[in-house]
All heavy atoms as atom14 arrays in JSON, in Angstrom:
{
  "sequence": "SDPISGMHVLIADRDALAPLFPVPLPRGDAVSMLRALGEWEELGLR",
  "atom14_mask": [
    [1, 1, 1, 1, 1, 1, 0, 0, 0, 0, 0, 0, 0, 0],
    [1, 1, 1, 1, 1, 1, 1, 1, 0, 0, 0, 0, 0, 0],
    [1, 1, 1, 1, 1, 1, 1, 0, 0, 0, 0, 0, 0, 0],
    [1, 1, 1, 1, 1, 1, 1, 1, 0, 0, 0, 0, 0, 0],
    [1, 1, 1, 1, 1, 1, 0, 0, 0, 0, 0, 0, 0, 0],
    [1, 1, 1, 1, 0, 0, 0, 0, 0, 0, 0, 0, 0, 0],
    [1, 1, 1, 1, 1, 1, 1, 1, 0, 0, 0, 0, 0, 0],
    [1, 1, 1, 1, 1, 1, 1, 1, 1, 1, 0, 0, 0, 0],
    [1, 1, 1, 1, 1, 1, 1, 0, 0, 0, 0, 0, 0, 0],
    [1, 1, 1, 1, 1, 1, 1, 1, 0, 0, 0, 0, 0, 0],
    [1, 1, 1, 1, 1, 1, 1, 1, 0, 0, 0, 0, 0, 0],
    [1, 1, 1, 1, 1, 0, 0, 0, 0, 0, 0, 0, 0, 0],
    [1, 1, 1, 1, 1, 1, 1, 1, 0, 0, 0, 0, 0, 0],
    [1, 1, 1, 1, 1, 1, 1, 1, 1, 1, 1, 0, 0, 0],
    [1, 1, 1, 1, 1, 1, 1, 1, 0, 0, 0, 0, 0, 0],
    [1, 1, 1, 1, 1, 0, 0, 0, 0, 0, 0, 0, 0, 0],
    [1, 1, 1, 1, 1, 1, 1, 1, 0, 0, 0, 0, 0, 0],
    [1, 1, 1, 1, 1, 0, 0, 0, 0, 0, 0, 0, 0, 0],
    [1, 1, 1, 1, 1, 1, 1, 0, 0, 0, 0, 0, 0, 0],
    [1, 1, 1, 1, 1, 1, 1, 1, 0, 0, 0, 0, 0, 0],
    [1, 1, 1, 1, 1, 1, 1, 1, 1, 1, 1, 0, 0, 0],
    [1, 1, 1, 1, 1, 1, 1, 0, 0, 0, 0, 0, 0, 0],
    [1, 1, 1, 1, 1, 1, 1, 0, 0, 0, 0, 0, 0, 0],
    [1, 1, 1, 1, 1, 1, 1, 0, 0, 0, 0, 0, 0, 0],
    [1, 1, 1, 1, 1, 1, 1, 1, 0, 0, 0, 0, 0, 0],
    [1, 1, 1, 1, 1, 1, 1, 0, 0, 0, 0, 0, 0, 0],
    [1, 1, 1, 1, 1, 1, 1, 1, 1, 1, 1, 0, 0, 0],
    [1, 1, 1, 1, 0, 0, 0, 0, 0, 0, 0, 0, 0, 0],
    [1, 1, 1, 1, 1, 1, 1, 1, 0, 0, 0, 0, 0, 0],
    [1, 1, 1, 1, 1, 0, 0, 0, 0, 0, 0, 0, 0, 0],
    [1, 1, 1, 1, 1, 1, 1, 0, 0, 0, 0, 0, 0, 0],
    [1, 1, 1, 1, 1, 1, 0, 0, 0, 0, 0, 0, 0, 0],
    [1, 1, 1, 1, 1, 1, 1, 1, 0, 0, 0, 0, 0, 0],
    [1, 1, 1, 1, 1, 1, 1, 1, 0, 0, 0, 0, 0, 0],
    [1, 1, 1, 1, 1, 1, 1, 1, 1, 1, 1, 0, 0, 0],
    [1, 1, 1, 1, 1, 0, 0, 0, 0, 0, 0, 0, 0, 0],
    [1, 1, 1, 1, 1, 1, 1, 1, 0, 0, 0, 0, 0, 0],
    [1, 1, 1, 1, 0, 0, 0, 0, 0, 0, 0, 0, 0, 0],
    [1, 1, 1, 1, 1, 1, 1, 1, 1, 0, 0, 0, 0, 0],
    [1, 1, 1, 1, 1, 1, 1, 1, 1, 1, 1, 1, 1, 1],
    [1, 1, 1, 1, 1, 1, 1, 1, 1, 0, 0, 0, 0, 0],
    [1, 1, 1, 1, 1, 1, 1, 1, 1, 0, 0, 0, 0, 0],
    [1, 1, 1, 1, 1, 1, 1, 1, 0, 0, 0, 0, 0, 0],
    [1, 1, 1, 1, 0, 0, 0, 0, 0, 0, 0, 0, 0, 0],
    [1, 1, 1, 1, 1, 1, 1, 1, 0, 0, 0, 0, 0, 0],
    [1, 1, 1, 1, 1, 1, 1, 1, 1, 1, 1, 0, 0, 0]
  ],
  "atom14_positions": [
    [[-18.23, 15.77, 13.32], [-17.21, 16.58, 12.65], [-16.02, 16.77, 13.59], [-16.14, 16.61, 14.81], [-17.77, 17.95, 12.23], [-18.22, 18.67, 13.36], [0.0, 0.0, 0.0], [0.0, 0.0, 0.0], [0.0, 0.0, 0.0], [0.0, 0.0, 0.0], [0.0, 0.0, 0.0], [0.0, 0.0, 0.0], [0.0, 0.0, 0.0], [0.0, 0.0, 0.0]],
    [[-14.89, 17.07, 13.0], [-13.67, 17.3, 13.78], [-13.77, 18.67, 14.45], [-13.94, 19.69, 13.77], [-12.47, 17.25, 12.83], [-11.16, 17.5, 13.56], [-11.13, 17.4, 14.8], [-10.16, 17.79, 12.88], [0.0, 0.0, 0.0], [0.0, 0.0, 0.0], [0.0, 0.0, 0.0], [0.0, 0.0, 0.0], [0.0, 0.0, 0.0], [0.0, 0.0, 0.0]],
    [[-13.67, 18.74, 15.78], [-13.81, 20.03, 16.46], [-12.7, 21.03, 16.12], [-12.88, 22.24, 16.31], [-13.78, 19.65, 17.95], [-13.09, 18.33, 18.0], [-13.44, 17.64, 16.73], [0.0, 0.0, 0.0], [0.0, 0.0, 0.0], [0.0, 0.0, 0.0], [0.0, 0.0, 0.0], [0.0, 0.0, 0.0], [0.0, 0.0, 0.0], [0.0, 0.0, 0.0]],
    [[-11.58, 20.55, 15.63], [-10.47, 21.46, 15.32], [-10.6, 22.03, 13.91], [-10.6, 23.25, 13.72], [-9.12, 20.72, 15.48], [-8.94, 20.26, 16.93], [-7.97, 21.64, 15.06], [-7.67, 19.48, 17.16], [0.0, 0.0, 0.0], [0.0, 0.0, 0.0], [0.0, 0.0, 0.0], [0.0, 0.0, 0.0], [0.0, 0.0, 0.0], [0.0, 0.0, 0.0]],
    [[-10.72, 21.15, 12.93], [-10.79, 21.61, 11.53], [-12.22, 21.89, 11.07], [-12.42, 22.57, 10.08], [-10.15, 20.57, 10.61], [-10.9, 19.36, 10.65], [0.0, 0.0, 0.0], [0.0, 0.0, 0.0], [0.0, 0.0, 0.0], [0.0, 0.0, 0.0], [0.0, 0.0, 0.0], [0.0, 0.0, 0.0], [0.0, 0.0, 0.0], [0.0, 0.0, 0.0]],
    [[-13.21, 21.32, 11.76], [-14.6, 21.47, 11.34], [-15.0, 20.56, 10.2], [-16.13, 20.64, 9.71], [0.0, 0.0, 0.0], [0.0, 0.0, 0.0], [0.0, 0.0, 0.0], [0.0, 0.0, 0.0], [0.0, 0.0, 0.0], [0.0, 0.0, 0.0], [0.0, 0.0, 0.0], [0.0, 0.0, 0.0], [0.0, 0.0, 0.0], [0.0, 0.0, 0.0]],
    [[-14.11, 19.67, 9.78], [-14.4, 18.77, 8.66], [-15.38, 17.68, 9.08], [-15.31, 17.15, 10.19], [-13.1, 18.14, 8.13], [-12.12, 19.12, 7.56], [-10.55, 18.33, 7.07], [-11.12, 17.24, 5.77], [0.0, 0.0, 0.0], [0.0, 0.0, 0.0], [0.0, 0.0, 0.0], [0.0, 0.0, 0.0], [0.0, 0.0, 0.0], [0.0, 0.0, 0.0]],
    [[-16.28, 17.36, 8.17], [-17.25, 16.29, 8.41], [-16.52, 14.95, 8.42], [-15.5, 14.76, 7.74], [-18.31, 16.3, 7.3], [-19.34, 15.22, 7.45], [-20.29, 15.23, 8.45], [-19.56, 14.09, 6.72], [-21.06, 14.15, 8.33], [-20.63, 13.45, 7.29], [0.0, 0.0, 0.0], [0.0, 0.0, 0.0], [0.0, 0.0, 0.0], [0.0, 0.0, 0.0]],
    [[-17.04, 14.01, 9.21], [-16.41, 12.69, 9.33], [-17.3, 11.62, 8.69], [-18.47, 11.47, 9.06], [-16.16, 12.32, 10.81], [-15.57, 10.91, 10.92], [-15.23, 13.33, 11.45], [0.0, 0.0, 0.0], [0.0, 0.0, 0.0], [0.0, 0.0, 0.0], [0.0, 0.0, 0.0], [0.0, 0.0, 0.0], [0.0, 0.0, 0.0], [0.0, 0.0, 0.0]],
    [[-16.73, 10.91, 7.72], [-17.37, 9.74, 7.13], [-16.95, 8.53, 7.97], [-15.76, 8.3, 8.17], [-16.92, 9.58, 5.68], [-17.42, 8.38, 4.87], [-17.4, 8.74, 3.39], [-16.57, 7.13, 5.08], [0.0, 0.0, 0.0], [0.0, 0.0, 0.0], [0.0, 0.0, 0.0], [0.0, 0.0, 0.0], [0.0, 0.0, 0.0], [0.0, 0.0, 0.0]],
    [[-17.92, 7.79, 8.49], [-17.63, 6.65, 9.37], [-17.73, 5.37, 8.57], [-18.76, 5.08, 7.96], [-18.62, 6.61, 10.55], [-18.61, 7.95, 11.3], [-18.27, 5.47, 11.51], [-19.66, 8.06, 12.37], [0.0, 0.0, 0.0], [0.0, 0.0, 0.0], [0.0, 0.0, 0.0], [0.0, 0.0, 0.0], [0.0, 0.0, 0.0], [0.0, 0.0, 0.0]],
    [[-16.63, 4.58, 8.56], [-16.57, 3.37, 7.75], [-16.11, 2.18, 8.6], [-15.41, 2.34, 9.61], [-15.63, 3.55, 6.56], [0.0, 0.0, 0.0], [0.0, 0.0, 0.0], [0.0, 0.0, 0.0], [0.0, 0.0, 0.0], [0.0, 0.0, 0.0], [0.0, 0.0, 0.0], [0.0, 0.0, 0.0], [0.0, 0.0, 0.0], [0.0, 0.0, 0.0]],
    [[-16.51, 0.99, 8.18], [-16.04, -0.25, 8.82], [-14.53, -0.35, 8.68], [-13.96, -0.02, 7.64], [-16.66, -1.48, 8.15], [-18.15, -1.6, 8.43], [-18.64, -0.85, 9.29], [-18.8, -2.43, 7.79], [0.0, 0.0, 0.0], [0.0, 0.0, 0.0], [0.0, 0.0, 0.0], [0.0, 0.0, 0.0], [0.0, 0.0, 0.0], [0.0, 0.0, 0.0]],
    [[-13.89, -0.87, 9.71], [-12.44, -1.09, 9.63], [-12.1, -2.08, 8.53], [-11.07, -1.96, 7.87], [-11.89, -1.57, 10.98], [-12.56, -2.82, 11.49], [-11.93, -3.36, 12.74], [-10.61, -3.84, 12.46], [-9.57, -3.72, 13.28], [-9.73, -3.12, 14.44], [-8.4, -4.2, 12.95], [0.0, 0.0, 0.0], [0.0, 0.0, 0.0], [0.0, 0.0, 0.0]],
    [[-12.99, -3.08, 8.3], [-12.72, -4.07, 7.25], [-12.79, -3.44, 5.87], [-12.05, -3.83, 4.96], [-13.72, -5.22, 7.34], [-13.53, -6.05, 8.61], [-12.42, -6.01, 9.17], [-14.49, -6.72, 9.03], [0.0, 0.0, 0.0], [0.0, 0.0, 0.0], [0.0, 0.0, 0.0], [0.0, 0.0, 0.0], [0.0, 0.0, 0.0], [0.0, 0.0, 0.0]],
    [[-13.69, -2.46, 5.67], [-13.79, -1.79, 4.38], [-12.56, -0.92, 4.11], [-12.19, -0.71, 2.96], [-15.06, -0.93, 4.33], [0.0, 0.0, 0.0], [0.0, 0.0, 0.0], [0.0, 0.0, 0.0], [0.0, 0.0, 0.0], [0.0, 0.0, 0.0], [0.0, 0.0, 0.0], [0.0, 0.0, 0.0], [0.0, 0.0, 0.0], [0.0, 0.0, 0.0]],
    [[-11.91, -0.45, 5.19], [-10.72, 0.41, 5.04], [-9.43, -0.39, 5.08], [-8.35, 0.2, 4.96], [-10.71, 1.46, 6.17], [-11.89, 2.43, 6.19], [-11.84, 3.29, 7.44], [-11.88, 3.31, 4.95], [0.0, 0.0, 0.0], [0.0, 0.0, 0.0], [0.0, 0.0, 0.0], [0.0, 0.0, 0.0], [0.0, 0.0, 0.0], [0.0, 0.0, 0.0]],
    [[-9.51, -1.69, 5.25], [-8.32, -2.53, 5.4], [-7.31, -2.36, 4.26], [-6.09, -2.39, 4.5], [-8.73, -3.99, 5.54], [0.0, 0.0, 0.0], [0.0, 0.0, 0.0], [0.0, 0.0, 0.0], [0.0, 0.0, 0.0], [0.0, 0.0, 0.0], [0.0, 0.0, 0.0], [0.0, 0.0, 0.0], [0.0, 0.0, 0.0], [0.0, 0.0, 0.0]],
    [[-7.75, -2.18, 2.99], [-6.75, -2.02, 1.91], [-5.86, -0.8, 2.06], [-4.84, -0.69, 1.36], [-7.62, -1.9, 0.64], [-8.89, -2.6, 1.0], [-9.12, -2.28, 2.44], [0.0, 0.0, 0.0], [0.0, 0.0, 0.0], [0.0, 0.0, 0.0], [0.0, 0.0, 0.0], [0.0, 0.0, 0.0], [0.0, 0.0, 0.0], [0.0, 0.0, 0.0]],
    [[-6.19, 0.12, 2.96], [-5.4, 1.34, 3.13], [-4.17, 1.12, 4.01], [-3.28, 1.97, 4.05], [-6.25, 2.46, 3.75], [-7.47, 2.93, 2.95], [-8.21, 4.0, 3.73], [-7.04, 3.47, 1.59], [0.0, 0.0, 0.0], [0.0, 0.0, 0.0], [0.0, 0.0, 0.0], [0.0, 0.0, 0.0], [0.0, 0.0, 0.0], [0.0, 0.0, 0.0]],
    [[-4.13, -0.02, 4.72], [-3.07, -0.25, 5.7], [-2.16, -1.39, 5.26], [-2.62, -2.38, 4.68], [-3.67, -0.56, 7.07], [-4.72, 0.42, 7.5], [-6.04, 0.03, 7.66], [-4.4, 1.75, 7.73], [-7.01, 0.92, 8.05], [-5.37, 2.66, 8.12], [-6.67, 2.25, 8.27], [0.0, 0.0, 0.0], [0.0, 0.0, 0.0], [0.0, 0.0, 0.0]],
    [[-0.86, -1.28, 5.54], [0.07, -2.36, 5.16], [-0.26, -3.69, 5.82], [-0.13, -4.74, 5.22], [1.43, -1.82, 5.64], [1.25, -0.34, 5.74], [-0.17, -0.13, 6.14], [0.0, 0.0, 0.0], [0.0, 0.0, 0.0], [0.0, 0.0, 0.0], [0.0, 0.0, 0.0], [0.0, 0.0, 0.0], [0.0, 0.0, 0.0], [0.0, 0.0, 0.0]],
    [[-0.68, -3.63, 7.09], [-1.1, -4.84, 7.82], [-2.4, -4.49, 8.54], [-2.71, -3.32, 8.77], [-0.03, -5.3, 8.84], [1.25, -5.69, 8.14], [0.23, -4.2, 9.87], [0.0, 0.0, 0.0], [0.0, 0.0, 0.0], [0.0, 0.0, 0.0], [0.0, 0.0, 0.0], [0.0, 0.0, 0.0], [0.0, 0.0, 0.0], [0.0, 0.0, 0.0]],
    [[-3.21, -5.49, 8.92], [-4.47, -5.2, 9.61], [-4.25, -4.45, 10.92], [-3.3, -4.71, 11.66], [-5.07, -6.6, 9.86], [-4.43, -7.48, 8.83], [-3.05, -6.93, 8.63], [0.0, 0.0, 0.0], [0.0, 0.0, 0.0], [0.0, 0.0, 0.0], [0.0, 0.0, 0.0], [0.0, 0.0, 0.0], [0.0, 0.0, 0.0], [0.0, 0.0, 0.0]],
    [[-5.15, -3.52, 11.19], [-5.11, -2.8, 12.46], [-5.47, -3.75, 13.6], [-6.29, -4.65, 13.43], [-6.09, -1.63, 12.44], [-5.74, -0.44, 11.54], [-6.86, 0.59, 11.59], [-4.43, 0.19, 11.96], [0.0, 0.0, 0.0], [0.0, 0.0, 0.0], [0.0, 0.0, 0.0], [0.0, 0.0, 0.0], [0.0, 0.0, 0.0], [0.0, 0.0, 0.0]],
    [[-4.88, -3.57, 14.78], [-5.21, -4.44, 15.9], [-6.63, -4.19, 16.39], [-7.16, -3.08, 16.28], [-4.18, -4.04, 16.96], [-3.85, -2.62, 16.63], [-3.9, -2.54, 15.13], [0.0, 0.0, 0.0], [0.0, 0.0, 0.0], [0.0, 0.0, 0.0], [0.0, 0.0, 0.0], [0.0, 0.0, 0.0], [0.0, 0.0, 0.0], [0.0, 0.0, 0.0]],
    [[-7.23, -5.23, 16.92], [-8.56, -5.08, 17.52], [-8.41, -4.33, 18.83], [-7.51, -4.58, 19.61], [-9.18, -6.45, 17.77], [-9.43, -7.26, 16.5], [-10.61, -6.7, 15.75], [-10.81, -7.4, 14.48], [-11.77, -7.09, 13.62], [-12.58, -6.09, 13.86], [-11.89, -7.77, 12.5], [0.0, 0.0, 0.0], [0.0, 0.0, 0.0], [0.0, 0.0, 0.0]],
    [[-9.31, -3.4, 19.06], [-9.25, -2.62, 20.29], [-9.87, -1.26, 20.12], [-10.6, -1.01, 19.15], [0.0, 0.0, 0.0], [0.0, 0.0, 0.0], [0.0, 0.0, 0.0], [0.0, 0.0, 0.0], [0.0, 0.0, 0.0], [0.0, 0.0, 0.0], [0.0, 0.0, 0.0], [0.0, 0.0, 0.0], [0.0, 0.0, 0.0], [0.0, 0.0, 0.0]],
    [[-9.56, -0.37, 21.03], [-10.16, 0.97, 20.99], [-9.37, 1.87, 20.03], [-8.38, 1.47, 19.42], [-10.22, 1.58, 22.39], [-8.85, 1.64, 23.05], [-7.84, 1.51, 22.35], [-8.8, 1.8, 24.28], [0.0, 0.0, 0.0], [0.0, 0.0, 0.0], [0.0, 0.0, 0.0], [0.0, 0.0, 0.0], [0.0, 0.0, 0.0], [0.0, 0.0, 0.0]],
    [[-9.85, 3.11, 19.9], [-9.25, 4.05, 18.95], [-7.81, 4.38, 19.32], [-6.96, 4.57, 18.44], [-10.09, 5.32, 18.89], [0.0, 0.0, 0.0], [0.0, 0.0, 0.0], [0.0, 0.0, 0.0], [0.0, 0.0, 0.0], [0.0, 0.0, 0.0], [0.0, 0.0, 0.0], [0.0, 0.0, 0.0], [0.0, 0.0, 0.0], [0.0, 0.0, 0.0]],
    [[-7.51, 4.44, 20.63], [-6.15, 4.79, 21.07], [-5.15, 3.72, 20.63], [-4.07, 4.03, 20.12], [-6.12, 4.98, 22.6], [-4.69, 5.26, 23.07], [-7.03, 6.14, 23.01], [0.0, 0.0, 0.0], [0.0, 0.0, 0.0], [0.0, 0.0, 0.0], [0.0, 0.0, 0.0], [0.0, 0.0, 0.0], [0.0, 0.0, 0.0], [0.0, 0.0, 0.0]],
    [[-5.52, 2.45, 20.82], [-4.61, 1.37, 20.44], [-4.41, 1.33, 18.92], [-3.31, 1.04, 18.44], [-5.15, 0.03, 20.95], [-6.4, -0.28, 20.34], [0.0, 0.0, 0.0], [0.0, 0.0, 0.0], [0.0, 0.0, 0.0], [0.0, 0.0, 0.0], [0.0, 0.0, 0.0], [0.0, 0.0, 0.0], [0.0, 0.0, 0.0], [0.0, 0.0, 0.0]],
    [[-5.46, 1.62, 18.15], [-5.31, 1.65, 16.7], [-4.42, 2.81, 16.26], [-3.63, 2.67, 15.33], [-6.68, 1.72, 16.04], [-7.48, 0.43, 16.12], [-8.95, 0.39, 15.04], [-10.01, 1.55, 15.93], [0.0, 0.0, 0.0], [0.0, 0.0, 0.0], [0.0, 0.0, 0.0], [0.0, 0.0, 0.0], [0.0, 0.0, 0.0], [0.0, 0.0, 0.0]],
    [[-4.53, 3.96, 16.96], [-3.68, 5.1, 16.61], [-2.21, 4.79, 16.93], [-1.31, 5.17, 16.17], [-4.14, 6.34, 17.38], [-3.36, 7.62, 17.1], [-3.47, 8.01, 15.62], [-3.86, 8.76, 17.99], [0.0, 0.0, 0.0], [0.0, 0.0, 0.0], [0.0, 0.0, 0.0], [0.0, 0.0, 0.0], [0.0, 0.0, 0.0], [0.0, 0.0, 0.0]],
    [[-1.97, 4.1, 18.03], [-0.6, 3.69, 18.36], [-0.03, 2.76, 17.3], [1.15, 2.86, 16.94], [-0.58, 3.01, 19.72], [-0.8, 3.97, 20.9], [-0.91, 3.2, 22.2], [-1.12, 4.11, 23.33], [-1.47, 3.7, 24.55], [-1.66, 2.4, 24.78], [-1.64, 4.58, 25.51], [0.0, 0.0, 0.0], [0.0, 0.0, 0.0], [0.0, 0.0, 0.0]],
    [[-0.89, 1.86, 16.8], [-0.43, 0.96, 15.73], [-0.07, 1.74, 14.47], [0.9, 1.41, 13.78], [-1.5, -0.07, 15.43], [0.0, 0.0, 0.0], [0.0, 0.0, 0.0], [0.0, 0.0, 0.0], [0.0, 0.0, 0.0], [0.0, 0.0, 0.0], [0.0, 0.0, 0.0], [0.0, 0.0, 0.0], [0.0, 0.0, 0.0], [0.0, 0.0, 0.0]],
    [[-0.84, 2.78, 14.17], [-0.53, 3.6, 12.99], [0.8, 4.31, 13.16], [1.5, 4.6, 12.17], [-1.64, 4.64, 12.77], [-2.95, 4.17, 12.18], [-3.89, 5.36, 11.99], [-2.74, 3.46, 10.86], [0.0, 0.0, 0.0], [0.0, 0.0, 0.0], [0.0, 0.0, 0.0], [0.0, 0.0, 0.0], [0.0, 0.0, 0.0], [0.0, 0.0, 0.0]],
    [[1.16, 4.61, 14.4], [2.42, 5.3, 14.66], [3.64, 4.5, 14.26], [4.74, 5.06, 14.13], [0.0, 0.0, 0.0], [0.0, 0.0, 0.0], [0.0, 0.0, 0.0], [0.0, 0.0, 0.0], [0.0, 0.0, 0.0], [0.0, 0.0, 0.0], [0.0, 0.0, 0.0], [0.0, 0.0, 0.0], [0.0, 0.0, 0.0], [0.0, 0.0, 0.0]],
    [[3.48, 3.18, 14.06], [4.6, 2.36, 13.63], [5.0, 2.68, 12.19], [6.11, 2.38, 11.77], [4.24, 0.88, 13.76], [3.96, 0.45, 15.19], [3.6, -1.02, 15.28], [3.66, -1.71, 14.23], [3.26, -1.48, 16.39], [0.0, 0.0, 0.0], [0.0, 0.0, 0.0], [0.0, 0.0, 0.0], [0.0, 0.0, 0.0], [0.0, 0.0, 0.0]],
    [[4.05, 3.25, 11.43], [4.36, 3.71, 10.07], [4.28, 5.23, 10.11], [3.21, 5.81, 10.27], [3.35, 3.15, 9.08], [3.3, 1.66, 9.08], [4.19, 0.8, 8.52], [2.31, 0.84, 9.71], [3.82, -0.5, 8.74], [2.66, -0.51, 9.48], [1.16, 1.11, 10.45], [1.91, -1.56, 9.95], [0.41, 0.07, 10.93], [0.8, -1.26, 10.68]],
    [[5.43, 5.85, 10.0], [5.53, 7.29, 10.26], [4.52, 8.1, 9.46], [3.82, 8.96, 10.01], [6.95, 7.76, 9.94], [7.16, 9.24, 10.24], [8.59, 9.65, 10.01], [9.45, 8.78, 9.75], [8.85, 10.86, 10.05], [0.0, 0.0, 0.0], [0.0, 0.0, 0.0], [0.0, 0.0, 0.0], [0.0, 0.0, 0.0], [0.0, 0.0, 0.0]],
    [[4.43, 7.83, 8.16], [3.52, 8.62, 7.32], [2.06, 8.4, 7.73], [1.28, 9.35, 7.8], [3.72, 8.26, 5.85], [5.05, 8.72, 5.28], [5.17, 8.4, 3.81], [5.45, 7.24, 3.49], [4.96, 9.32, 2.99], [0.0, 0.0, 0.0], [0.0, 0.0, 0.0], [0.0, 0.0, 0.0], [0.0, 0.0, 0.0], [0.0, 0.0, 0.0]],
    [[1.68, 7.15, 7.99], [0.31, 6.87, 8.4], [0.01, 7.48, 9.76], [-1.1, 8.0, 9.98], [0.08, 5.36, 8.45], [-0.34, 4.67, 7.16], [-0.44, 3.17, 7.36], [-1.68, 5.22, 6.66], [0.0, 0.0, 0.0], [0.0, 0.0, 0.0], [0.0, 0.0, 0.0], [0.0, 0.0, 0.0], [0.0, 0.0, 0.0], [0.0, 0.0, 0.0]],
    [[0.98, 7.43, 10.68], [0.77, 7.99, 12.0], [0.46, 9.48, 11.96], [-0.34, 9.98, 12.76], [0.0, 0.0, 0.0], [0.0, 0.0, 0.0], [0.0, 0.0, 0.0], [0.0, 0.0, 0.0], [0.0, 0.0, 0.0], [0.0, 0.0, 0.0], [0.0, 0.0, 0.0], [0.0, 0.0, 0.0], [0.0, 0.0, 0.0], [0.0, 0.0, 0.0]],
    [[1.08, 10.18, 11.0], [0.82, 11.61, 10.87], [-0.57, 11.9, 10.3], [-1.05, 13.03, 10.41], [1.89, 12.24, 9.98], [3.33, 12.2, 10.52], [4.28, 12.75, 9.5], [3.42, 12.99, 11.83], [0.0, 0.0, 0.0], [0.0, 0.0, 0.0], [0.0, 0.0, 0.0], [0.0, 0.0, 0.0], [0.0, 0.0, 0.0], [0.0, 0.0, 0.0]],
    [[-1.2, 10.91, 9.68], [-2.53, 11.1, 9.08], [-3.66, 10.77, 10.05], [-4.83, 10.97, 9.72], [-2.67, 10.21, 7.84], [-1.72, 10.54, 6.71], [-1.91, 11.95, 6.19], [-1.1, 12.19, 5.02], [-1.56, 12.09, 3.78], [-2.81, 11.76, 3.57], [-0.76, 12.31, 2.76], [0.0, 0.0, 0.0], [0.0, 0.0, 0.0], [0.0, 0.0, 0.0]]
  ]
}
């Protein structure tokens, strides 16, 4: 769960979530994927 909001986390394959992104997320750790999301302002905020 998220320590800040307390919300439960559903864990999914990146390939299953691919339709949610304009382009595929880069391979790598969570930090690099978050940086890639930052290129799309609305997605970066999510």
